[in-house]
Amino acid sequence: MNYKKVMIILNVLLLCAMVIHVGVKVFLHGQHPEYSAPAYTQLIYAVYYLIPLAVINVIGFFVKNK
C-alpha cells in the first residue's frame, strides 16, 4: 500500500469510530428524559477524536516529507 491509501484509511476509520461513538452517546442521552442538558451536548465527545486525527495527519506530513 502506498502512503496516500494508508492515510485515507486511517482517517476514514477514525471518523467512522467518532460518528458511531457520538451517535451512541446521543441515542443514550435521548433515552433518559431526566437529563437536563440538551442532547447536542454529547457532541463534545467528538473532540476526543480530533486530537488523534490531527496527530496522525501531522506525523504523516513529516513522514511524507522525508
PDB file of N, CA and C in Angstrom:
ATOM      1  N   MET A   1       0.840  -1.184   0.000  1.00  0.00           N
ATOM      2  CA  MET A   1       0.000   0.000   0.000  1.00  0.00           C
ATOM      3  C   MET A   1       0.883   1.244   0.000  1.00  0.00           C
ATOM      4  N   ASN A   2       0.404   2.223  -0.671  1.00  0.00           N
ATOM      5  CA  ASN A   2       1.178   3.457  -0.674  1.00  0.00           C
ATOM      6  C   ASN A   2       0.728   4.376   0.468  1.00  0.00           C
ATOM      7  N   TYR A   3       1.499   5.415   0.662  1.00  0.00           N
ATOM      8  CA  TYR A   3       1.291   6.343   1.768  1.00  0.00           C
ATOM      9  C   TYR A   3      -0.103   6.969   1.749  1.00  0.00           C
ATOM     10  N   LYS A   4      -0.541   7.376   0.576  1.00  0.00           N
ATOM     11  CA  LYS A   4      -1.818   8.088   0.466  1.00  0.00           C
ATOM     12  C   LYS A   4      -2.995   7.189   0.870  1.00  0.00           C
ATOM     13  N   LYS A   5      -2.957   5.919   0.446  1.00  0.00           N
ATOM     14  CA  LYS A   5      -4.034   4.994   0.803  1.00  0.00           C
ATOM     15  C   LYS A   5      -4.079   4.740   2.300  1.00  0.00           C
ATOM     16  N   VAL A   6      -2.920   4.571   2.894  1.00  0.00           N
ATOM     17  CA  VAL A   6      -2.867   4.320   4.339  1.00  0.00           C
ATOM     18  C   VAL A   6      -3.425   5.505   5.105  1.00  0.00           C
ATOM     19  N   MET A   7      -3.067   6.700   4.726  1.00  0.00           N
ATOM     20  CA  MET A   7      -3.571   7.888   5.415  1.00  0.00           C
ATOM     21  C   MET A   7      -5.082   8.033   5.251  1.00  0.00           C
ATOM     22  N   ILE A   8      -5.589   7.754   4.070  1.00  0.00           N
ATOM     23  CA  ILE A   8      -7.033   7.838   3.838  1.00  0.00           C
ATOM     24  C   ILE A   8      -7.764   6.806   4.678  1.00  0.00           C
ATOM     25  N   ILE A   9      -7.239   5.575   4.727  1.00  0.00           N
ATOM     26  CA  ILE A   9      -7.882   4.515   5.507  1.00  0.00           C
ATOM     27  C   ILE A   9      -7.884   4.862   6.997  1.00  0.00           C
ATOM     28  N   LEU A  10      -6.754   5.354   7.514  1.00  0.00           N
ATOM     29  CA  LEU A  10      -6.695   5.741   8.925  1.00  0.00           C
ATOM     30  C   LEU A  10      -7.680   6.864   9.245  1.00  0.00           C
ATOM     31  N   ASN A  11      -7.739   7.857   8.376  1.00  0.00           N
ATOM     32  CA  ASN A  11      -8.664   8.977   8.606  1.00  0.00           C
ATOM     33  C   ASN A  11     -10.119   8.522   8.551  1.00  0.00           C
ATOM     34  N   VAL A  12     -10.451   7.684   7.591  1.00  0.00           N
ATOM     35  CA  VAL A  12     -11.833   7.218   7.461  1.00  0.00           C
ATOM     36  C   VAL A  12     -12.225   6.350   8.653  1.00  0.00           C
ATOM     37  N   LEU A  13     -11.331   5.455   9.085  1.00  0.00           N
ATOM     38  CA  LEU A  13     -11.636   4.609  10.239  1.00  0.00           C
ATOM     39  C   LEU A  13     -11.837   5.433  11.501  1.00  0.00           C
ATOM     40  N   LEU A  14     -10.992   6.423  11.702  1.00  0.00           N
ATOM     41  CA  LEU A  14     -11.132   7.273  12.873  1.00  0.00           C
ATOM     42  C   LEU A  14     -12.412   8.096  12.822  1.00  0.00           C
ATOM     43  N   LEU A  15     -12.767   8.596  11.656  1.00  0.00           N
ATOM     44  CA  LEU A  15     -14.017   9.358  11.525  1.00  0.00           C
ATOM     45  C   LEU A  15     -15.243   8.467  11.733  1.00  0.00           C
ATOM     46  N   CYS A  16     -15.197   7.236  11.236  1.00  0.00           N
ATOM     47  CA  CYS A  16     -16.309   6.298  11.453  1.00  0.00           C
ATOM     48  C   CYS A  16     -16.465   5.971  12.934  1.00  0.00           C
ATOM     49  N   ALA A  17     -15.351   5.758  13.618  1.00  0.00           N
ATOM     50  CA  ALA A  17     -15.411   5.496  15.059  1.00  0.00           C
ATOM     51  C   ALA A  17     -15.998   6.682  15.803  1.00  0.00           C
ATOM     52  N   MET A  18     -15.631   7.893  15.377  1.00  0.00           N
ATOM     53  CA  MET A  18     -16.148   9.096  16.012  1.00  0.00           C
ATOM     54  C   MET A  18     -17.657   9.211  15.812  1.00  0.00           C
ATOM     55  N   VAL A  19     -18.111   8.985  14.606  1.00  0.00           N
ATOM     56  CA  VAL A  19     -19.548   9.098  14.320  1.00  0.00           C
ATOM     57  C   VAL A  19     -20.338   8.062  15.111  1.00  0.00           C
ATOM     58  N   ILE A  20     -19.837   6.843  15.189  1.00  0.00           N
ATOM     59  CA  ILE A  20     -20.532   5.797  15.935  1.00  0.00           C
ATOM     60  C   ILE A  20     -20.556   6.126  17.423  1.00  0.00           C
ATOM     61  N   HIS A  21     -19.427   6.548  17.971  1.00  0.00           N
ATOM     62  CA  HIS A  21     -19.360   6.859  19.397  1.00  0.00           C
ATOM     63  C   HIS A  21     -20.289   8.011  19.766  1.00  0.00           C
ATOM     64  N   VAL A  22     -20.239   9.069  19.004  1.00  0.00           N
ATOM     65  CA  VAL A  22     -21.097  10.228  19.288  1.00  0.00           C
ATOM     66  C   VAL A  22     -22.569   9.861  19.066  1.00  0.00           C
ATOM     67  N   GLY A  23     -22.848   9.076  18.041  1.00  0.00           N
ATOM     68  CA  GLY A  23     -24.227   8.650  17.798  1.00  0.00           C
ATOM     69  C   GLY A  23     -24.793   7.825  18.937  1.00  0.00           C
ATOM     70  N   VAL A  24     -23.993   6.917  19.464  1.00  0.00           N
ATOM     71  CA  VAL A  24     -24.440   6.099  20.599  1.00  0.00           C
ATOM     72  C   VAL A  24     -24.661   6.976  21.827  1.00  0.00           C
ATOM     73  N   LYS A  25     -23.756   7.920  22.067  1.00  0.00           N
ATOM     74  CA  LYS A  25     -23.917   8.819  23.214  1.00  0.00           C
ATOM     75  C   LYS A  25     -25.190   9.660  23.103  1.00  0.00           C
ATOM     76  N   VAL A  26     -25.472  10.179  21.918  1.00  0.00           N
ATOM     77  CA  VAL A  26     -26.686  10.978  21.725  1.00  0.00           C
ATOM     78  C   VAL A  26     -27.925  10.100  21.892  1.00  0.00           C
ATOM     79  N   PHE A  27     -27.867   8.879  21.358  1.00  0.00           N
ATOM     80  CA  PHE A  27     -29.003   7.957  21.493  1.00  0.00           C
ATOM     81  C   PHE A  27     -29.258   7.636  22.968  1.00  0.00           C
ATOM     82  N   LEU A  28     -28.206   7.320  23.710  1.00  0.00           N
ATOM     83  CA  LEU A  28     -28.374   7.001  25.127  1.00  0.00           C
ATOM     84  C   LEU A  28     -28.851   8.215  25.916  1.00  0.00           C
ATOM     85  N   HIS A  29     -28.396   9.392  25.523  1.00  0.00           N
ATOM     86  CA  HIS A  29     -28.869  10.610  26.184  1.00  0.00           C
ATOM     87  C   HIS A  29     -30.366  10.805  25.935  1.00  0.00           C
ATOM     88  N   GLY A  30     -30.805  10.482  24.743  1.00  0.00           N
ATOM     89  CA  GLY A  30     -32.222  10.625  24.417  1.00  0.00           C
ATOM     90  C   GLY A  30     -33.111   9.632  25.139  1.00  0.00           C
ATOM     91  N   GLN A  31     -32.544   8.534  25.601  1.00  0.00           N
ATOM     92  CA  GLN A  31     -33.318   7.518  26.314  1.00  0.00           C
ATOM     93  C   GLN A  31     -33.584   7.882  27.771  1.00  0.00           C
ATOM     94  N   HIS A  32     -32.923   8.920  28.255  1.00  0.00           N
ATOM     95  CA  HIS A  32     -33.075   9.331  29.647  1.00  0.00           C
ATOM     96  C   HIS A  32     -33.633  10.752  29.701  1.00  0.00           C
ATOM     97  N   PRO A  33     -34.931  10.893  29.830  1.00  0.00           N
ATOM     98  CA  PRO A  33     -35.529  12.241  29.856  1.00  0.00           C
ATOM     99  C   PRO A  33     -35.186  13.027  31.115  1.00  0.00           C
ATOM    100  N   GLU A  34     -34.610  12.377  32.115  1.00  0.00           N
ATOM    101  CA  GLU A  34     -34.285  13.106  33.343  1.00  0.00           C
ATOM    102  C   GLU A  34     -33.034  13.975  33.200  1.00  0.00           C
ATOM    103  N   TYR A  35     -32.274  13.801  32.118  1.00  0.00           N
ATOM    104  CA  TYR A  35     -31.104  14.654  31.898  1.00  0.00           C
ATOM    105  C   TYR A  35     -31.562  16.068  31.552  1.00  0.00           C
ATOM    106  N   SER A  36     -30.932  17.059  32.161  1.00  0.00           N
ATOM    107  CA  SER A  36     -31.370  18.436  31.938  1.00  0.00           C
ATOM    108  C   SER A  36     -30.666  19.085  30.747  1.00  0.00           C
ATOM    109  N   ALA A  37     -29.516  18.578  30.360  1.00  0.00           N
ATOM    110  CA  ALA A  37     -28.780  19.165  29.236  1.00  0.00           C
ATOM    111  C   ALA A  37     -29.360  18.681  27.913  1.00  0.00           C
ATOM    112  N   PRO A  38     -29.313  19.512  26.887  1.00  0.00           N
ATOM    113  CA  PRO A  38     -29.779  19.067  25.572  1.00  0.00           C
ATOM    114  C   PRO A  38     -28.865  17.976  25.003  1.00  0.00           C
ATOM    115  N   ALA A  39     -29.400  17.205  24.089  1.00  0.00           N
ATOM    116  CA  ALA A  39     -28.668  16.057  23.550  1.00  0.00           C
ATOM    117  C   ALA A  39     -27.431  16.475  22.771  1.00  0.00           C
ATOM    118  N   TYR A  40     -27.428  17.652  22.171  1.00  0.00           N
ATOM    119  CA  TYR A  40     -26.270  18.052  21.377  1.00  0.00           C
ATOM    120  C   TYR A  40     -25.033  18.303  22.233  1.00  0.00           C
ATOM    121  N   THR A  41     -25.179  18.359  23.549  1.00  0.00           N
ATOM    122  CA  THR A  41     -24.001  18.499  24.405  1.00  0.00           C
ATOM    123  C   THR A  41     -23.118  17.255  24.337  1.00  0.00           C
ATOM    124  N   GLN A  42     -23.655  16.158  23.861  1.00  0.00           N
ATOM    125  CA  GLN A  42     -22.865  14.937  23.715  1.00  0.00           C
ATOM    126  C   GLN A  42     -21.868  15.039  22.559  1.00  0.00           C
ATOM    127  N   LEU A  43     -22.005  16.064  21.746  1.00  0.00           N
ATOM    128  CA  LEU A  43     -21.066  16.255  20.637  1.00  0.00           C
ATOM    129  C   LEU A  43     -19.663  16.592  21.123  1.00  0.00           C
ATOM    130  N   ILE A  44     -19.523  16.930  22.401  1.00  0.00           N
ATOM    131  CA  ILE A  44     -18.199  17.228  22.941  1.00  0.00           C
ATOM    132  C   ILE A  44     -17.304  15.992  22.846  1.00  0.00           C
ATOM    133  N   TYR A  45     -17.877  14.801  22.767  1.00  0.00           N
ATOM    134  CA  TYR A  45     -17.081  13.581  22.637  1.00  0.00           C
ATOM    135  C   TYR A  45     -16.355  13.521  21.296  1.00  0.00           C
ATOM    136  N   ALA A  46     -16.760  14.312  20.346  1.00  0.00           N
ATOM    137  CA  ALA A  46     -16.057  14.352  19.063  1.00  0.00           C
ATOM    138  C   ALA A  46     -14.668  14.968  19.218  1.00  0.00           C
ATOM    139  N   VAL A  47     -14.473  15.788  20.233  1.00  0.00           N
ATOM    140  CA  VAL A  47     -13.169  16.398  20.476  1.00  0.00           C
ATOM    141  C   VAL A  47     -12.133  15.327  20.783  1.00  0.00           C
ATOM    142  N   TYR A  48     -12.564  14.243  21.440  1.00  0.00           N
ATOM    143  CA  TYR A  48     -11.638  13.160  21.759  1.00  0.00           C
ATOM    144  C   TYR A  48     -11.039  12.545  20.498  1.00  0.00           C
ATOM    145  N   TYR A  49     -11.712  12.647  19.383  1.00  0.00           N
ATOM    146  CA  TYR A  49     -11.224  12.064  18.140  1.00  0.00           C
ATOM    147  C   TYR A  49     -10.481  13.075  17.271  1.00  0.00           C
ATOM    148  N   LEU A  50     -10.682  14.345  17.501  1.00  0.00           N
ATOM    149  CA  LEU A  50      -9.986  15.350  16.709  1.00  0.00           C
ATOM    150  C   LEU A  50      -8.497  15.410  17.041  1.00  0.00           C
ATOM    151  N   ILE A  51      -8.161  15.158  18.293  1.00  0.00           N
ATOM    152  CA  ILE A  51      -6.758  15.194  18.698  1.00  0.00           C
ATOM    153  C   ILE A  51      -5.960  14.083  18.015  1.00  0.00           C
ATOM    154  N   PRO A  52      -6.394  12.803  18.083  1.00  0.00           N
ATOM    155  CA  PRO A  52      -5.628  11.768  17.369  1.00  0.00           C
ATOM    156  C   PRO A  52      -5.646  11.964  15.856  1.00  0.00           C
ATOM    157  N   LEU A  53      -6.733  12.504  15.339  1.00  0.00           N
ATOM    158  CA  LEU A  53      -6.801  12.769  13.906  1.00  0.00           C
ATOM    159  C   LEU A  53      -5.736  13.785  13.498  1.00  0.00           C
ATOM    160  N   ALA A  54      -5.592  14.826  14.282  1.00  0.00           N
ATOM    161  CA  ALA A  54      -4.563  15.831  13.999  1.00  0.00           C
ATOM    162  C   ALA A  54      -3.163  15.242  14.147  1.00  0.00           C
ATOM    163  N   VAL A  55      -2.965  14.423  15.172  1.00  0.00           N
ATOM    164  CA  VAL A  55      -1.646  13.817  15.391  1.00  0.00           C
ATOM    165  C   VAL A  55      -1.273  12.899  14.235  1.00  0.00           C
ATOM    166  N   ILE A  56      -2.213  12.079  13.793  1.00  0.00           N
ATOM    167  CA  ILE A  56      -1.953  11.172  12.672  1.00  0.00           C
ATOM    168  C   ILE A  56      -1.575  11.959  11.421  1.00  0.00           C
ATOM    169  N   ASN A  57      -2.289  13.024  11.153  1.00  0.00           N
ATOM    170  CA  ASN A  57      -2.010  13.806   9.951  1.00  0.00           C
ATOM    171  C   ASN A  57      -0.703  14.584  10.052  1.00  0.00           C
ATOM    172  N   VAL A  58      -0.356  15.084  11.231  1.00  0.00           N
ATOM    173  CA  VAL A  58       0.911  15.789  11.389  1.00  0.00           C
ATOM    174  C   VAL A  58       2.076  14.816  11.244  1.00  0.00           C
ATOM    175  N   ILE A  59       1.986  13.654  11.880  1.00  0.00           N
ATOM    176  CA  ILE A  59       3.039  12.650  11.735  1.00  0.00           C
ATOM    177  C   ILE A  59       3.141  12.206  10.281  1.00  0.00           C
ATOM    178  N   GLY A  60       2.010  12.004   9.651  1.00  0.00           N
ATOM    179  CA  GLY A  60       2.011  11.622   8.246  1.00  0.00           C
ATOM    180  C   GLY A  60       2.634  12.678   7.354  1.00  0.00           C
ATOM    181  N   PHE A  61       2.428  13.936   7.681  1.00  0.00           N
ATOM    182  CA  PHE A  61       3.023  15.017   6.904  1.00  0.00           C
ATOM    183  C   PHE A  61       4.543  14.976   6.985  1.00  0.00           C
ATOM    184  N   PHE A  62       5.061  14.750   8.193  1.00  0.00           N
ATOM    185  CA  PHE A  62       6.521  14.713   8.352  1.00  0.00           C
ATOM    186  C   PHE A  62       7.120  13.449   7.756  1.00  0.00           C
ATOM    187  N   VAL A  63       6.415  12.336   7.817  1.00  0.00           N
ATOM    188  CA  VAL A  63       6.911  11.092   7.212  1.00  0.00           C
ATOM    189  C   VAL A  63       6.937  11.221   5.699  1.00  0.00           C
ATOM    190  N   LYS A  64       5.927  11.873   5.158  1.00  0.00           N
ATOM    191  CA  LYS A  64       5.844  12.052   3.708  1.00  0.00           C
ATOM    192  C   LYS A  64       6.998  12.907   3.176  1.00  0.00           C
ATOM    193  N   ASN A  65       7.387  13.913   3.952  1.00  0.00           N
ATOM    194  CA  ASN A  65       8.426  14.838   3.502  1.00  0.00           C
ATOM    195  C   ASN A  65       9.833  14.275   3.612  1.00  0.00           C
ATOM    196  N   LYS A  66      10.002  13.161   4.304  1.00  0.00           N
ATOM    197  CA  LYS A  66      11.351  12.586   4.445  1.00  0.00           C
ATOM    198  C   LYS A  66      11.764  11.781   3.262  1.00  0.00           C
TER     199      LYS A  66
END
